[in-house]
Amino acid sequence: IIRDYIGFEDLHALICCCMQYAKNNFYDVVSQAPISKFDLLNAFQDRFGLKYSIDKQMHESSPTGLKKCYYSKSQKTKELGFEPKYKSLDLLIATTMNMDLA
């Protein structure tokens, strides 16, 4: 499964581009790069010592059907001059490092 995550800085930049250049239209919010579930787990294992296990008997289900990709491949925001600053992994690592769990 691959997902895309965007942070407030990129979201703010996209909103500003839309306010300045967009007409009545729609745009998918995207980061520089999405990340797969296992790439994310492995990165967190390497960076933070995350321990996890996979239950191979678990069966995935979804009311709308199983999907491998939960992100947009649209490049339409480039028409507005928007270029995401962060990759999903960079954002998730930075967010995790800045979390105050106290």
N, C-alpha and C. Protein backbone atom coordinates (compact mmCIF):
# COMPACT_ATOMS: atom_id res chain seq x y z
N ILE A 1 0.86 -1.18 0.00
CA ILE A 1 0.00 0.00 0.00
C ILE A 1 0.90 1.23 0.00
N ILE A 2 0.58 2.17 -0.85
CA ILE A 2 1.37 3.41 -0.96
C ILE A 2 0.44 4.58 -0.66
N ARG A 3 0.95 5.49 0.19
CA ARG A 3 0.18 6.67 0.57
C ARG A 3 1.04 7.92 0.41
N ASP A 4 0.37 9.06 0.39
CA ASP A 4 1.05 10.35 0.28
C ASP A 4 0.67 11.19 1.49
N TYR A 5 1.64 11.84 2.08
CA TYR A 5 1.42 12.70 3.24
C TYR A 5 1.97 14.08 2.93
N ILE A 6 1.24 15.11 3.32
CA ILE A 6 1.67 16.49 3.09
C ILE A 6 1.57 17.25 4.40
N GLY A 7 2.51 18.13 4.62
CA GLY A 7 2.53 18.92 5.85
C GLY A 7 1.96 20.31 5.64
N PHE A 8 1.88 21.03 6.75
CA PHE A 8 1.24 22.35 6.69
C PHE A 8 2.00 23.34 5.82
N GLU A 9 3.32 23.23 5.74
CA GLU A 9 4.10 24.18 4.94
C GLU A 9 3.78 24.03 3.45
N ASP A 10 3.77 22.79 2.97
CA ASP A 10 3.41 22.56 1.57
C ASP A 10 1.94 22.86 1.31
N LEU A 11 1.08 22.51 2.25
CA LEU A 11 -0.35 22.81 2.08
C LEU A 11 -0.58 24.31 2.00
N HIS A 12 0.10 25.07 2.86
CA HIS A 12 -0.02 26.53 2.84
C HIS A 12 0.46 27.09 1.51
N ALA A 13 1.59 26.57 1.02
CA ALA A 13 2.13 27.04 -0.28
C ALA A 13 1.14 26.75 -1.41
N LEU A 14 0.52 25.59 -1.38
CA LEU A 14 -0.44 25.24 -2.42
C LEU A 14 -1.67 26.15 -2.34
N ILE A 15 -2.17 26.40 -1.15
CA ILE A 15 -3.32 27.29 -0.98
C ILE A 15 -2.99 28.69 -1.52
N CYS A 16 -1.80 29.18 -1.21
CA CYS A 16 -1.39 30.50 -1.71
C CYS A 16 -1.34 30.51 -3.24
N CYS A 17 -0.81 29.44 -3.84
CA CYS A 17 -0.79 29.35 -5.31
C CYS A 17 -2.21 29.36 -5.86
N CYS A 18 -3.10 28.62 -5.22
CA CYS A 18 -4.49 28.57 -5.68
C CYS A 18 -5.14 29.95 -5.57
N MET A 19 -4.89 30.64 -4.49
CA MET A 19 -5.49 31.96 -4.30
C MET A 19 -4.97 32.95 -5.34
N GLN A 20 -3.72 32.79 -5.72
CA GLN A 20 -3.12 33.74 -6.65
C GLN A 20 -3.44 33.41 -8.11
N TYR A 21 -3.45 32.12 -8.45
CA TYR A 21 -3.52 31.76 -9.87
C TYR A 21 -4.73 30.95 -10.30
N ALA A 22 -5.38 30.28 -9.38
CA ALA A 22 -6.41 29.32 -9.76
C ALA A 22 -7.73 30.00 -10.09
N LYS A 23 -8.36 29.44 -11.09
CA LYS A 23 -9.73 29.81 -11.39
C LYS A 23 -10.61 28.77 -10.72
N ASN A 24 -11.86 28.69 -11.07
CA ASN A 24 -12.75 27.70 -10.50
C ASN A 24 -12.30 26.31 -10.99
N ASN A 25 -11.55 25.60 -10.15
CA ASN A 25 -10.96 24.34 -10.55
C ASN A 25 -10.71 23.48 -9.32
N PHE A 26 -10.18 22.31 -9.50
CA PHE A 26 -9.84 21.44 -8.39
C PHE A 26 -8.42 20.94 -8.57
N TYR A 27 -7.75 20.68 -7.45
CA TYR A 27 -6.37 20.22 -7.47
C TYR A 27 -6.16 19.17 -6.40
N ASP A 28 -5.43 18.13 -6.72
CA ASP A 28 -5.06 17.13 -5.74
C ASP A 28 -3.82 17.60 -5.01
N VAL A 29 -3.80 17.42 -3.71
CA VAL A 29 -2.66 17.80 -2.89
C VAL A 29 -1.65 16.65 -2.93
N VAL A 30 -0.41 16.97 -3.25
CA VAL A 30 0.62 15.94 -3.38
C VAL A 30 1.92 16.40 -2.73
N SER A 31 2.71 15.42 -2.27
CA SER A 31 4.05 15.71 -1.78
C SER A 31 5.04 15.48 -2.92
N GLN A 32 6.32 15.61 -2.61
CA GLN A 32 7.34 15.31 -3.62
C GLN A 32 7.34 13.84 -3.99
N ALA A 33 7.02 12.98 -3.00
CA ALA A 33 7.01 11.54 -3.26
C ALA A 33 6.19 10.82 -2.20
N PRO A 34 5.30 9.92 -2.63
CA PRO A 34 4.57 9.10 -1.67
C PRO A 34 5.50 8.03 -1.09
N ILE A 35 4.99 7.22 -0.17
CA ILE A 35 5.81 6.17 0.43
C ILE A 35 4.96 4.92 0.67
N SER A 36 5.59 3.77 0.50
CA SER A 36 4.89 2.51 0.74
C SER A 36 4.89 2.21 2.24
N LYS A 37 3.94 1.40 2.65
CA LYS A 37 3.81 1.03 4.06
C LYS A 37 5.10 0.39 4.57
N PHE A 38 5.67 -0.53 3.80
CA PHE A 38 6.86 -1.23 4.27
C PHE A 38 8.11 -0.37 4.20
N ASP A 39 8.21 0.53 3.24
CA ASP A 39 9.34 1.48 3.24
C ASP A 39 9.26 2.38 4.46
N LEU A 40 8.05 2.79 4.83
CA LEU A 40 7.87 3.63 6.02
C LEU A 40 8.23 2.85 7.28
N LEU A 41 7.74 1.63 7.41
CA LEU A 41 8.06 0.82 8.59
C LEU A 41 9.57 0.57 8.69
N ASN A 42 10.20 0.25 7.58
CA ASN A 42 11.65 0.00 7.59
C ASN A 42 12.44 1.26 7.93
N ALA A 43 12.02 2.40 7.41
CA ALA A 43 12.70 3.66 7.73
C ALA A 43 12.57 3.99 9.21
N PHE A 44 11.39 3.77 9.79
CA PHE A 44 11.19 4.03 11.22
C PHE A 44 11.92 2.99 12.07
N GLN A 45 12.07 1.79 11.57
CA GLN A 45 12.86 0.79 12.27
C GLN A 45 14.32 1.23 12.33
N ASP A 46 14.84 1.69 11.18
CA ASP A 46 16.24 2.14 11.12
C ASP A 46 16.47 3.40 11.94
N ARG A 47 15.56 4.35 11.83
CA ARG A 47 15.76 5.67 12.44
C ARG A 47 15.42 5.70 13.93
N PHE A 48 14.33 5.03 14.32
CA PHE A 48 13.82 5.14 15.68
C PHE A 48 13.81 3.82 16.45
N GLY A 49 14.27 2.75 15.82
CA GLY A 49 14.27 1.46 16.50
C GLY A 49 12.90 0.82 16.61
N LEU A 50 11.98 1.22 15.72
CA LEU A 50 10.65 0.65 15.73
C LEU A 50 10.71 -0.87 15.57
N LYS A 51 9.94 -1.55 16.40
CA LYS A 51 9.82 -3.00 16.27
C LYS A 51 8.40 -3.31 15.84
N TYR A 52 8.27 -4.16 14.84
CA TYR A 52 6.95 -4.53 14.36
C TYR A 52 6.98 -5.96 13.83
N SER A 53 5.82 -6.55 13.73
CA SER A 53 5.70 -7.88 13.14
C SER A 53 4.48 -7.87 12.22
N ILE A 54 4.50 -8.76 11.26
CA ILE A 54 3.43 -8.85 10.28
C ILE A 54 2.65 -10.13 10.54
N ASP A 55 1.34 -10.02 10.70
CA ASP A 55 0.47 -11.17 10.86
C ASP A 55 0.09 -11.65 9.45
N LYS A 56 0.72 -12.71 9.01
CA LYS A 56 0.51 -13.19 7.64
C LYS A 56 -0.88 -13.80 7.44
N GLN A 57 -1.59 -14.08 8.52
CA GLN A 57 -2.92 -14.65 8.41
C GLN A 57 -4.00 -13.58 8.34
N MET A 58 -3.63 -12.34 8.54
CA MET A 58 -4.60 -11.25 8.50
C MET A 58 -5.05 -11.02 7.05
N HIS A 59 -6.33 -10.86 6.88
CA HIS A 59 -6.89 -10.62 5.55
C HIS A 59 -7.37 -9.18 5.48
N GLU A 60 -6.86 -8.46 4.49
CA GLU A 60 -7.26 -7.07 4.33
C GLU A 60 -8.63 -7.00 3.67
N SER A 61 -9.39 -5.99 4.08
CA SER A 61 -10.68 -5.77 3.44
C SER A 61 -10.99 -4.28 3.46
N SER A 62 -11.83 -3.88 2.55
CA SER A 62 -12.23 -2.48 2.45
C SER A 62 -13.62 -2.43 1.85
N PRO A 63 -14.50 -1.58 2.39
CA PRO A 63 -15.85 -1.50 1.81
C PRO A 63 -15.86 -0.99 0.37
N THR A 64 -14.82 -0.28 -0.03
CA THR A 64 -14.76 0.26 -1.40
C THR A 64 -13.81 -0.54 -2.29
N GLY A 65 -13.29 -1.65 -1.77
CA GLY A 65 -12.36 -2.47 -2.54
C GLY A 65 -10.92 -2.15 -2.18
N LEU A 66 -10.06 -3.13 -2.28
CA LEU A 66 -8.66 -2.96 -1.93
C LEU A 66 -7.95 -2.14 -3.00
N LYS A 67 -7.09 -1.26 -2.53
CA LYS A 67 -6.31 -0.40 -3.43
C LYS A 67 -4.85 -0.49 -3.03
N LYS A 68 -3.96 -0.43 -3.98
CA LYS A 68 -2.53 -0.40 -3.67
C LYS A 68 -2.05 1.04 -3.48
N CYS A 69 -2.67 1.97 -4.18
CA CYS A 69 -2.21 3.36 -4.15
C CYS A 69 -3.30 4.28 -3.62
N TYR A 70 -2.96 4.97 -2.54
CA TYR A 70 -3.87 5.96 -1.96
C TYR A 70 -3.25 7.35 -2.13
N TYR A 71 -2.94 7.69 -3.36
CA TYR A 71 -2.37 9.00 -3.64
C TYR A 71 -2.68 9.36 -5.09
N SER A 72 -2.55 10.64 -5.37
CA SER A 72 -2.82 11.12 -6.71
C SER A 72 -1.53 11.16 -7.52
N LYS A 73 -1.64 10.86 -8.78
CA LYS A 73 -0.51 10.98 -9.70
C LYS A 73 -0.62 12.26 -10.53
N SER A 74 -1.59 13.08 -10.19
CA SER A 74 -1.82 14.31 -10.93
C SER A 74 -0.66 15.29 -10.75
N GLN A 75 -0.30 15.93 -11.82
CA GLN A 75 0.73 16.97 -11.80
C GLN A 75 0.12 18.35 -12.04
N LYS A 76 -1.20 18.42 -11.89
CA LYS A 76 -1.95 19.63 -12.23
C LYS A 76 -1.52 20.86 -11.41
N THR A 77 -1.05 20.65 -10.18
CA THR A 77 -0.65 21.79 -9.35
C THR A 77 0.58 22.51 -9.92
N LYS A 78 1.33 21.84 -10.79
CA LYS A 78 2.48 22.50 -11.42
C LYS A 78 2.03 23.65 -12.30
N GLU A 79 0.79 23.58 -12.82
CA GLU A 79 0.24 24.69 -13.61
C GLU A 79 0.19 25.98 -12.79
N LEU A 80 0.09 25.82 -11.48
CA LEU A 80 0.01 26.97 -10.58
C LEU A 80 1.39 27.43 -10.11
N GLY A 81 2.42 26.68 -10.48
CA GLY A 81 3.76 26.98 -10.01
C GLY A 81 4.07 26.31 -8.68
N PHE A 82 3.21 25.39 -8.24
CA PHE A 82 3.43 24.71 -6.96
C PHE A 82 4.38 23.54 -7.14
N GLU A 83 5.42 23.53 -6.34
CA GLU A 83 6.36 22.42 -6.27
C GLU A 83 6.47 22.01 -4.80
N PRO A 84 6.04 20.81 -4.44
CA PRO A 84 6.14 20.40 -3.04
C PRO A 84 7.59 20.42 -2.57
N LYS A 85 7.78 20.82 -1.35
CA LYS A 85 9.11 20.93 -0.77
C LYS A 85 9.56 19.61 -0.13
N TYR A 86 8.60 18.82 0.35
CA TYR A 86 8.94 17.64 1.14
C TYR A 86 8.40 16.35 0.52
N LYS A 87 9.15 15.27 0.73
CA LYS A 87 8.69 13.92 0.45
C LYS A 87 7.90 13.44 1.66
N SER A 88 7.03 12.48 1.45
CA SER A 88 6.23 11.95 2.55
C SER A 88 7.12 11.46 3.69
N LEU A 89 8.17 10.71 3.39
CA LEU A 89 9.04 10.17 4.43
C LEU A 89 9.70 11.29 5.23
N ASP A 90 10.23 12.31 4.54
CA ASP A 90 10.87 13.43 5.24
C ASP A 90 9.90 14.09 6.22
N LEU A 91 8.68 14.30 5.76
CA LEU A 91 7.66 14.93 6.61
C LEU A 91 7.35 14.07 7.82
N LEU A 92 7.15 12.78 7.62
CA LEU A 92 6.79 11.90 8.73
C LEU A 92 7.92 11.77 9.74
N ILE A 93 9.16 11.73 9.29
CA ILE A 93 10.29 11.68 10.21
C ILE A 93 10.39 12.98 11.00
N ALA A 94 10.31 14.12 10.32
CA ALA A 94 10.40 15.41 10.99
C ALA A 94 9.26 15.59 12.00
N THR A 95 8.06 15.19 11.63
CA THR A 95 6.92 15.31 12.52
C THR A 95 7.11 14.43 13.75
N THR A 96 7.58 13.22 13.54
CA THR A 96 7.81 12.30 14.66
C THR A 96 8.88 12.83 15.59
N MET A 97 9.94 13.41 15.03
CA MET A 97 11.03 13.94 15.87
C MET A 97 10.58 15.14 16.67
N ASN A 98 9.58 15.88 16.19
CA ASN A 98 9.11 17.07 16.89
C ASN A 98 7.92 16.82 17.80
N MET A 99 7.50 15.57 17.92
CA MET A 99 6.33 15.26 18.74
C MET A 99 6.68 15.40 20.23
N ASP A 100 5.78 16.00 20.95
CA ASP A 100 5.93 16.09 22.41
C ASP A 100 4.90 15.13 22.99
N LEU A 101 5.37 13.97 23.41
CA LEU A 101 4.45 12.95 23.89
C LEU A 101 4.19 13.04 25.39
N ALA A 102 4.71 14.07 26.02
CA ALA A 102 4.51 14.22 27.47
C ALA A 102 3.11 14.68 27.80
